[in-house]
C-alpha atoms as a PDB file:
ATOM      1  CA  MET A   1     106.200 -17.772 -18.028  1.00  0.00           C
ATOM      2  CA  ASP A   2     107.512 -20.724 -16.077  1.00  0.00           C
ATOM      3  CA  GLU A   3     108.519 -18.793 -13.194  1.00  0.00           C
ATOM      4  CA  SER A   4     104.829 -17.045 -13.317  1.00  0.00           C
ATOM      5  CA  LEU A   5     103.344 -20.575 -13.477  1.00  0.00           C
ATOM      6  CA  GLN A   6     105.471 -21.596 -10.451  1.00  0.00           C
ATOM      7  CA  ASN A   7     104.308 -18.942  -8.535  1.00  0.00           C
ATOM      8  CA  LEU A   8     100.822 -19.415  -8.962  1.00  0.00           C
ATOM      9  CA  ALA A   9     101.118 -22.943  -8.163  1.00  0.00           C
ATOM     10  CA  GLU A  10     102.712 -21.942  -5.294  1.00  0.00           C
ATOM     11  CA  THR A  11      99.986 -19.062  -4.227  1.00  0.00           C
ATOM     12  CA  TRP A  12      97.071 -21.873  -5.026  1.00  0.00           C
ATOM     13  CA  VAL A  13      98.905 -24.685  -2.566  1.00  0.00           C
ATOM     14  CA  TYR A  14      98.971 -21.809   0.168  1.00  0.00           C
ATOM     15  CA  LEU A  15      95.453 -20.902  -0.519  1.00  0.00           C
ATOM     16  CA  SER A  16      93.796 -24.425  -0.414  1.00  0.00           C
ATOM     17  CA  ALA A  17      95.491 -25.814   2.655  1.00  0.00           C
ATOM     18  CA  SER A  18      93.997 -22.514   4.257  1.00  0.00           C
ATOM     19  CA  PRO A  19      90.765 -22.579   6.269  1.00  0.00           C
ATOM     20  CA  LEU A  20      89.566 -19.495   5.082  1.00  0.00           C
ATOM     21  CA  PHE A  21      89.575 -20.227   1.531  1.00  0.00           C
ATOM     22  CA  HIS A  22      87.015 -23.257   1.812  1.00  0.00           C
ATOM     23  CA  LEU A  23      84.874 -20.720   4.048  1.00  0.00           C
ATOM     24  CA  THR A  24      85.215 -17.971   1.254  1.00  0.00           C
ATOM     25  CA  LEU A  25      84.519 -21.200  -1.562  1.00  0.00           C
ATOM     26  CA  THR A  26      81.213 -22.265   0.370  1.00  0.00           C
ATOM     27  CA  MET A  27      79.774 -18.599   0.825  1.00  0.00           C
ATOM     28  CA  VAL A  28      80.878 -17.751  -2.636  1.00  0.00           C
ATOM     29  CA  ALA A  29      79.215 -20.748  -4.098  1.00  0.00           C
ATOM     30  CA  PHE A  30      76.138 -20.570  -2.436  1.00  0.00           C
ATOM     31  CA  GLN A  31      75.587 -16.775  -3.127  1.00  0.00           C
ATOM     32  CA  ILE A  32      75.974 -17.569  -7.027  1.00  0.00           C
ATOM     33  CA  ALA A  33      73.594 -20.347  -6.326  1.00  0.00           C
ATOM     34  CA  ALA A  34      71.029 -17.749  -4.728  1.00  0.00           C
ATOM     35  CA  TRP A  35      71.888 -15.103  -7.657  1.00  0.00           C
ATOM     36  CA  VAL A  36      70.797 -17.568 -10.543  1.00  0.00           C
ATOM     37  CA  PHE A  37      67.479 -18.872  -8.451  1.00  0.00           C
ATOM     38  CA  GLN A  38      66.640 -15.225  -8.281  1.00  0.00           C
ATOM     39  CA  LYS A  39      67.496 -14.668 -11.879  1.00  0.00           C
ATOM     40  CA  ALA A  40      65.199 -17.600 -12.779  1.00  0.00           C
ATOM     41  CA  GLY A  41      62.297 -16.368 -11.144  1.00  0.00           C
ATOM     42  CA  ARG A  42      62.875 -18.598  -7.982  1.00  0.00           C
ATOM     43  CA  ASN A  43      62.349 -21.633  -9.840  1.00  0.00           C
ATOM     44  CA  PRO A  44      62.155 -24.599  -7.337  1.00  0.00           C
ATOM     45  CA  LEU A  45      64.108 -26.727  -9.685  1.00  0.00           C
ATOM     46  CA  LEU A  46      66.996 -24.564  -9.474  1.00  0.00           C
ATOM     47  CA  ASN A  47      67.584 -25.109  -5.788  1.00  0.00           C
ATOM     48  CA  PRO A  48      70.351 -23.003  -4.508  1.00  0.00           C
ATOM     49  CA  VAL A  49      71.663 -25.540  -2.095  1.00  0.00           C
ATOM     50  CA  MET A  50      71.835 -28.109  -4.916  1.00  0.00           C
ATOM     51  CA  ILE A  51      73.722 -25.409  -7.292  1.00  0.00           C
ATOM     52  CA  ALA A  52      75.999 -24.348  -4.489  1.00  0.00           C
ATOM     53  CA  VAL A  53      76.745 -28.140  -3.820  1.00  0.00           C
ATOM     54  CA  VAL A  54      77.408 -28.784  -7.598  1.00  0.00           C
ATOM     55  CA  ILE A  55      79.968 -25.897  -7.481  1.00  0.00           C
ATOM     56  CA  VAL A  56      81.418 -26.786  -4.582  1.00  0.00           C
ATOM     57  CA  VAL A  57      82.489 -30.693  -5.128  1.00  0.00           C
ATOM     58  CA  THR A  58      83.274 -29.454  -8.928  1.00  0.00           C
ATOM     59  CA  VAL A  59      86.230 -27.237  -7.028  1.00  0.00           C
ATOM     60  CA  LEU A  60      86.824 -29.991  -4.856  1.00  0.00           C
ATOM     61  CA  VAL A  61      87.193 -32.701  -7.493  1.00  0.00           C
ATOM     62  CA  LEU A  62      89.362 -30.577  -9.918  1.00  0.00           C
ATOM     63  CA  THR A  63      91.667 -29.462  -7.244  1.00  0.00           C
ATOM     64  CA  GLY A  64      91.992 -33.078  -5.397  1.00  0.00           C
ATOM     65  CA  THR A  65      91.153 -31.807  -1.983  1.00  0.00           C
ATOM     66  CA  SER A  66      89.671 -33.975   0.531  1.00  0.00           C
ATOM     67  CA  TYR A  67      86.795 -33.718   2.233  1.00  0.00           C
ATOM     68  CA  ALA A  68      88.515 -33.370   5.682  1.00  0.00           C
ATOM     69  CA  THR A  69      90.632 -30.307   4.465  1.00  0.00           C
ATOM     70  CA  TYR A  70      87.600 -28.689   2.991  1.00  0.00           C
ATOM     71  CA  PHE A  71      85.758 -28.967   6.178  1.00  0.00           C
ATOM     72  CA  GLU A  72      88.459 -27.236   8.314  1.00  0.00           C
ATOM     73  CA  GLY A  73      87.019 -24.066   6.888  1.00  0.00           C
ATOM     74  CA  ALA A  74      83.452 -25.085   5.851  1.00  0.00           C
ATOM     75  CA  GLN A  75      82.636 -26.250   9.832  1.00  0.00           C
ATOM     76  CA  PHE A  76      81.965 -22.838  10.819  1.00  0.00           C
ATOM     77  CA  VAL A  77      79.175 -22.594   8.466  1.00  0.00           C
ATOM     78  CA  HIS A  78      77.977 -26.144   9.747  1.00  0.00           C
ATOM     79  CA  PHE A  79      78.189 -24.774  13.250  1.00  0.00           C
ATOM     80  CA  LEU A  80      75.649 -22.011  12.288  1.00  0.00           C
ATOM     81  CA  LEU A  81      73.030 -25.155  11.267  1.00  0.00           C
ATOM     82  CA  GLY A  82      72.200 -24.984  15.086  1.00  0.00           C
ATOM     83  CA  PRO A  83      70.732 -21.225  15.405  1.00  0.00           C
ATOM     84  CA  ALA A  84      69.410 -21.378  12.213  1.00  0.00           C
ATOM     85  CA  THR A  85      67.233 -24.078  13.236  1.00  0.00           C
ATOM     86  CA  VAL A  86      66.661 -22.590  16.612  1.00  0.00           C
ATOM     87  CA  ALA A  87      65.674 -19.357  14.716  1.00  0.00           C
ATOM     88  CA  LEU A  88      63.018 -21.157  13.140  1.00  0.00           C
ATOM     89  CA  ALA A  89      60.926 -20.191  16.449  1.00  0.00           C
ATOM     90  CA  ILE A  90      60.129 -16.929  15.368  1.00  0.00           C
ATOM     91  CA  PRO A  91      57.663 -17.796  12.457  1.00  0.00           C
ATOM     92  CA  LEU A  92      56.499 -20.288  14.769  1.00  0.00           C
ATOM     93  CA  TYR A  93      55.451 -18.310  17.246  1.00  0.00           C
ATOM     94  CA  ARG A  94      53.947 -15.794  15.060  1.00  0.00           C
ATOM     95  CA  GLN A  95      51.631 -18.576  13.897  1.00  0.00           C
ATOM     96  CA  TRP A  96      51.270 -20.229  17.619  1.00  0.00           C
ATOM     97  CA  HIS A  97      47.260 -19.383  17.616  1.00  0.00           C
ATOM     98  CA  VAL A  98      46.976 -21.368  14.475  1.00  0.00           C
ATOM     99  CA  VAL A  99      49.194 -24.361  15.830  1.00  0.00           C
ATOM    100  CA  ARG A 100      47.025 -24.522  18.996  1.00  0.00           C
ATOM    101  CA  ARG A 101      44.292 -25.223  17.427  1.00  0.00           C
ATOM    102  CA  SER A 102      45.496 -27.913  15.199  1.00  0.00           C
ATOM    103  CA  ALA A 103      47.378 -29.676  17.897  1.00  0.00           C
ATOM    104  CA  LEU A 104      45.614 -33.112  17.313  1.00  0.00           C
ATOM    105  CA  ALA A 105      45.890 -32.974  13.432  1.00  0.00           C
ATOM    106  CA  ILE A 106      49.558 -31.981  13.944  1.00  0.00           C
ATOM    107  CA  LEU A 107      50.425 -34.779  16.210  1.00  0.00           C
ATOM    108  CA  VAL A 108      48.473 -37.429  14.123  1.00  0.00           C
ATOM    109  CA  SER A 109      50.208 -36.049  10.852  1.00  0.00           C
ATOM    110  CA  LEU A 110      53.699 -36.331  12.362  1.00  0.00           C
ATOM    111  CA  THR A 111      53.289 -39.777  13.590  1.00  0.00           C
ATOM    112  CA  CYS A 112      52.141 -40.850  10.326  1.00  0.00           C
ATOM    113  CA  GLY A 113      54.689 -39.144   8.124  1.00  0.00           C
ATOM    114  CA  SER A 114      57.521 -40.115  10.606  1.00  0.00           C
ATOM    115  CA  VAL A 115      56.611 -43.788  10.575  1.00  0.00           C
ATOM    116  CA  THR A 116      56.094 -43.677   6.841  1.00  0.00           C
ATOM    117  CA  ALA A 117      59.247 -41.937   5.918  1.00  0.00           C
ATOM    118  CA  ILE A 118      60.830 -44.794   7.920  1.00  0.00           C
ATOM    119  CA  VAL A 119      58.969 -47.862   6.240  1.00  0.00           C
ATOM    120  CA  THR A 120      59.018 -46.607   2.614  1.00  0.00           C
ATOM    121  CA  ALA A 121      62.920 -45.729   2.703  1.00  0.00           C
ATOM    122  CA  VAL A 122      63.892 -49.324   4.214  1.00  0.00           C
ATOM    123  CA  GLY A 123      61.363 -51.385   2.614  1.00  0.00           C
ATOM    124  CA  THR A 124      62.828 -49.794  -0.871  1.00  0.00           C
ATOM    125  CA  ALA A 125      65.940 -50.598   0.200  1.00  0.00           C
ATOM    126  CA  TRP A 126      65.627 -53.939   1.263  1.00  0.00           C
ATOM    127  CA  LEU A 127      63.536 -55.322  -1.861  1.00  0.00           C
ATOM    128  CA  ALA A 128      66.612 -53.944  -3.673  1.00  0.00           C
ATOM    129  CA  GLY A 129      68.868 -56.228  -1.542  1.00  0.00           C
ATOM    130  CA  GLY A 130      70.459 -53.785   1.070  1.00  0.00           C
ATOM    131  CA  SER A 131      72.052 -55.005   3.608  1.00  0.00           C
ATOM    132  CA  PRO A 132      71.462 -54.152   7.395  1.00  0.00           C
ATOM    133  CA  GLU A 133      74.175 -51.728   7.702  1.00  0.00           C
ATOM    134  CA  ILE A 134      72.249 -50.033   4.579  1.00  0.00           C
ATOM    135  CA  LEU A 135      68.937 -50.244   5.599  1.00  0.00           C
ATOM    136  CA  ALA A 136      70.216 -48.646   9.211  1.00  0.00           C
ATOM    137  CA  THR A 137      71.824 -45.889   6.973  1.00  0.00           C
ATOM    138  CA  ILE A 138      68.744 -44.638   4.967  1.00  0.00           C
ATOM    139  CA  ALA A 139      66.030 -45.073   7.681  1.00  0.00           C
ATOM    140  CA  PRO A 140      66.608 -41.909   9.075  1.00  0.00           C
ATOM    141  CA  LYS A 141      66.697 -39.543   5.766  1.00  0.00           C
ATOM    142  CA  SER A 142      64.085 -37.488   6.344  1.00  0.00           C
ATOM    143  CA  VAL A 143      65.499 -36.138   9.726  1.00  0.00           C
ATOM    144  CA  THR A 144      67.726 -33.218   9.919  1.00  0.00           C
ATOM    145  CA  ALA A 145      71.222 -34.036   9.293  1.00  0.00           C
ATOM    146  CA  PRO A 146      72.537 -33.938  12.862  1.00  0.00           C
ATOM    147  CA  VAL A 147      69.996 -36.052  14.521  1.00  0.00           C
ATOM    148  CA  ALA A 148      70.006 -38.357  11.612  1.00  0.00           C
ATOM    149  CA  MET A 149      73.648 -38.779  11.895  1.00  0.00           C
ATOM    150  CA  ALA A 150      73.243 -40.001  15.594  1.00  0.00           C
ATOM    151  CA  ILE A 151      70.346 -41.965  14.733  1.00  0.00           C
ATOM    152  CA  THR A 152      72.214 -44.134  12.404  1.00  0.00           C
ATOM    153  CA  ASP A 153      75.271 -44.309  14.472  1.00  0.00           C
ATOM    154  CA  GLU A 154      73.135 -45.894  17.305  1.00  0.00           C
ATOM    155  CA  ILE A 155      71.477 -48.669  15.160  1.00  0.00           C
ATOM    156  CA  GLY A 156      74.622 -49.952  12.991  1.00  0.00           C
ATOM    157  CA  GLY A 157      74.710 -47.404  10.023  1.00  0.00           C
ATOM    158  CA  LEU A 158      77.070 -45.209   8.239  1.00  0.00           C
ATOM    159  CA  PRO A 159      76.758 -41.640   9.481  1.00  0.00           C
ATOM    160  CA  SER A 160      78.602 -39.946   6.385  1.00  0.00           C
ATOM    161  CA  LEU A 161      76.245 -41.615   3.924  1.00  0.00           C
ATOM    162  CA  THR A 162      73.101 -40.851   6.297  1.00  0.00           C
ATOM    163  CA  ALA A 163      74.412 -37.199   5.810  1.00  0.00           C
ATOM    164  CA  VAL A 164      74.500 -37.259   2.090  1.00  0.00           C
ATOM    165  CA  LEU A 165      71.217 -39.108   1.646  1.00  0.00           C
ATOM    166  CA  VAL A 166      69.518 -36.600   4.264  1.00  0.00           C
ATOM    167  CA  ILE A 167      70.964 -33.836   2.054  1.00  0.00           C
ATOM    168  CA  LEU A 168      69.653 -35.369  -1.311  1.00  0.00           C
ATOM    169  CA  THR A 169      66.353 -35.988   0.298  1.00  0.00           C
ATOM    170  CA  GLY A 170      66.258 -32.142   1.579  1.00  0.00           C
ATOM    171  CA  ILE A 171      67.007 -30.858  -2.151  1.00  0.00           C
ATOM    172  CA  PHE A 172      64.711 -33.359  -3.702  1.00  0.00           C
ATOM    173  CA  GLY A 173      61.633 -32.307  -1.351  1.00  0.00           C
ATOM    174  CA  ALA A 174      62.738 -28.672  -2.120  1.00  0.00           C
ATOM    175  CA  MET A 175      62.685 -29.037  -5.584  1.00  0.00           C
ATOM    176  CA  PHE A 176      59.536 -30.969  -6.431  1.00  0.00           C
ATOM    177  CA  GLY A 177      57.769 -30.949  -2.947  1.00  0.00           C
ATOM    178  CA  THR A 178      55.247 -27.561  -3.946  1.00  0.00           C
ATOM    179  CA  HIS A 179      54.474 -29.621  -7.166  1.00  0.00           C
ATOM    180  CA  LEU A 180      53.713 -32.662  -6.098  1.00  0.00           C
ATOM    181  CA  LEU A 181      51.640 -31.044  -3.268  1.00  0.00           C
ATOM    182  CA  ASN A 182      49.585 -29.266  -5.926  1.00  0.00           C
ATOM    183  CA  LEU A 183      49.054 -32.354  -7.885  1.00  0.00           C
ATOM    184  CA  CYS A 184      47.439 -33.907  -4.836  1.00  0.00           C
ATOM    185  CA  GLY A 185      45.351 -30.945  -4.184  1.00  0.00           C
ATOM    186  CA  VAL A 186      46.884 -29.759  -0.883  1.00  0.00           C
ATOM    187  CA  LYS A 187      46.162 -26.383  -0.545  1.00  0.00           C
ATOM    188  CA  ASP A 188      46.108 -25.671   3.461  1.00  0.00           C
ATOM    189  CA  TRP A 189      49.245 -23.877   4.108  1.00  0.00           C
ATOM    190  CA  SER A 190      49.758 -25.483   7.183  1.00  0.00           C
ATOM    191  CA  ALA A 191      49.035 -28.785   5.848  1.00  0.00           C
ATOM    192  CA  ARG A 192      51.700 -27.882   3.291  1.00  0.00           C
ATOM    193  CA  GLY A 193      54.079 -26.795   5.501  1.00  0.00           C
ATOM    194  CA  LEU A 194      53.918 -30.241   8.001  1.00  0.00           C
ATOM    195  CA  ALA A 195      54.355 -32.079   4.873  1.00  0.00           C
ATOM    196  CA  MET A 196      57.356 -30.337   3.766  1.00  0.00           C
ATOM    197  CA  GLY A 197      58.926 -30.197   7.202  1.00  0.00           C
ATOM    198  CA  THR A 198      58.278 -34.129   8.122  1.00  0.00           C
ATOM    199  CA  ALA A 199      59.399 -35.063   4.659  1.00  0.00           C
ATOM    200  CA  CYS A 200      62.541 -33.074   3.814  1.00  0.00           C
ATOM    201  CA  HIS A 201      63.644 -31.123   7.243  1.00  0.00           C
ATOM    202  CA  GLY A 202      65.765 -27.800   6.862  1.00  0.00           C
ATOM    203  CA  ILE A 203      66.202 -27.635   3.183  1.00  0.00           C
ATOM    204  CA  GLY A 204      62.258 -28.211   2.696  1.00  0.00           C
ATOM    205  CA  THR A 205      61.249 -25.743   5.547  1.00  0.00           C
ATOM    206  CA  ALA A 206      63.863 -22.909   3.552  1.00  0.00           C
ATOM    207  CA  ARG A 207      61.540 -23.854   0.425  1.00  0.00           C
ATOM    208  CA  ALA A 208      58.404 -23.646   2.759  1.00  0.00           C
ATOM    209  CA  LEU A 209      59.485 -20.005   4.346  1.00  0.00           C
ATOM    210  CA  GLN A 210      60.016 -18.885   0.740  1.00  0.00           C
ATOM    211  CA  VAL A 211      56.618 -19.840  -0.220  1.00  0.00           C
ATOM    212  CA  HIS A 212      54.316 -18.551   2.722  1.00  0.00           C
ATOM    213  CA  GLU A 213      55.152 -17.600   6.147  1.00  0.00           C
ATOM    214  CA  THR A 214      52.401 -20.161   7.771  1.00  0.00           C
ATOM    215  CA  ALA A 215      53.830 -23.003   5.757  1.00  0.00           C
ATOM    216  CA  GLY A 216      57.399 -21.921   6.837  1.00  0.00           C
ATOM    217  CA  ALA A 217      56.420 -21.996  10.767  1.00  0.00           C
ATOM    218  CA  PHE A 218      54.613 -25.519  10.411  1.00  0.00           C
ATOM    219  CA  SER A 219      57.799 -26.641   8.499  1.00  0.00           C
ATOM    220  CA  GLY A 220      59.556 -25.829  11.262  1.00  0.00           C
ATOM    221  CA  LEU A 221      57.379 -27.274  13.767  1.00  0.00           C
ATOM    222  CA  ALA A 222      57.422 -30.528  11.930  1.00  0.00           C
ATOM    223  CA  MET A 223      61.280 -30.562  11.355  1.00  0.00           C
ATOM    224  CA  GLY A 224      61.973 -30.511  15.080  1.00  0.00           C
ATOM    225  CA  LEU A 225      58.938 -32.812  16.407  1.00  0.00           C
ATOM    226  CA  ASN A 226      59.754 -35.387  13.651  1.00  0.00           C
ATOM    227  CA  ALA A 227      63.258 -35.352  14.870  1.00  0.00           C
ATOM    228  CA  LEU A 228      62.300 -36.201  18.050  1.00  0.00           C
ATOM    229  CA  ALA A 229      59.549 -38.812  17.202  1.00  0.00           C
ATOM    230  CA  THR A 230      62.072 -40.422  15.182  1.00  0.00           C
ATOM    231  CA  ALA A 231      64.986 -40.324  17.354  1.00  0.00           C
ATOM    232  CA  ILE A 232      62.618 -42.169  19.767  1.00  0.00           C
ATOM    233  CA  LEU A 233      60.652 -44.569  17.428  1.00  0.00           C
ATOM    234  CA  LEU A 234      63.497 -45.858  15.397  1.00  0.00           C
ATOM    235  CA  PRO A 235      65.480 -47.522  17.698  1.00  0.00           C
ATOM    236  CA  ILE A 236      62.596 -49.097  19.382  1.00  0.00           C
ATOM    237  CA  LEU A 237      61.766 -50.203  15.941  1.00  0.00           C
ATOM    238  CA  TRP A 238      64.425 -51.315  14.962  1.00  0.00           C
ATOM    239  CA  GLY A 239      65.562 -53.371  17.989  1.00  0.00           C
ATOM    240  CA  LEU A 240      61.962 -55.227  17.697  1.00  0.00           C
ATOM    241  CA  VAL A 241      62.444 -55.888  13.891  1.00  0.00           C
ATOM    242  CA  PHE A 242      66.409 -56.719  13.739  1.00  0.00           C
END
């Protein structure tokens, strides 16, 4: 029995050091999360990203695996974020005739949404006694992760913590965004999509695509334009205030 346990331990050490193991862990965790999501009637409170994150974090904590070791395998999934974002152009193209008619409304909504996301995040952190470094870290929380991390690094924040805040923002938006929009009486699919994409980037856009194609198209547009607007506006505003 002791020899069997030793062999099992040696096998685990070998597997846990392999990038392929952590890539497989990520994919299996998401498949489990997607299965739970489907079985629950696609309930937004059981967001697949949230469930997958909980599964992966639990495994890493129980096995004492560092994030650096895990990311050696997970980086292959991370690489696909770029192509997945570009693929959002497909539903946008299908709804382009609607987008052209709403150009002015989209511009105004995105500008207001971008500024509001920055001001509310920084204001809340400032009232809670956050340091300038923390304020810089939380400011771009509504922007897609790669852009948010680059912005944070430029204005003196902590990019790794920004990534966590971005993911939490996206998960929260995907879980509760639909309910909040219903409570506010927002029924137009384009308006709902703009709100989701501006406030909760890619994860919110994935939820919008699940609900309605028009909402998904406008959410993808909002996510991209909000990243662009924040990348331009935030460093300027930060330099003026701080």
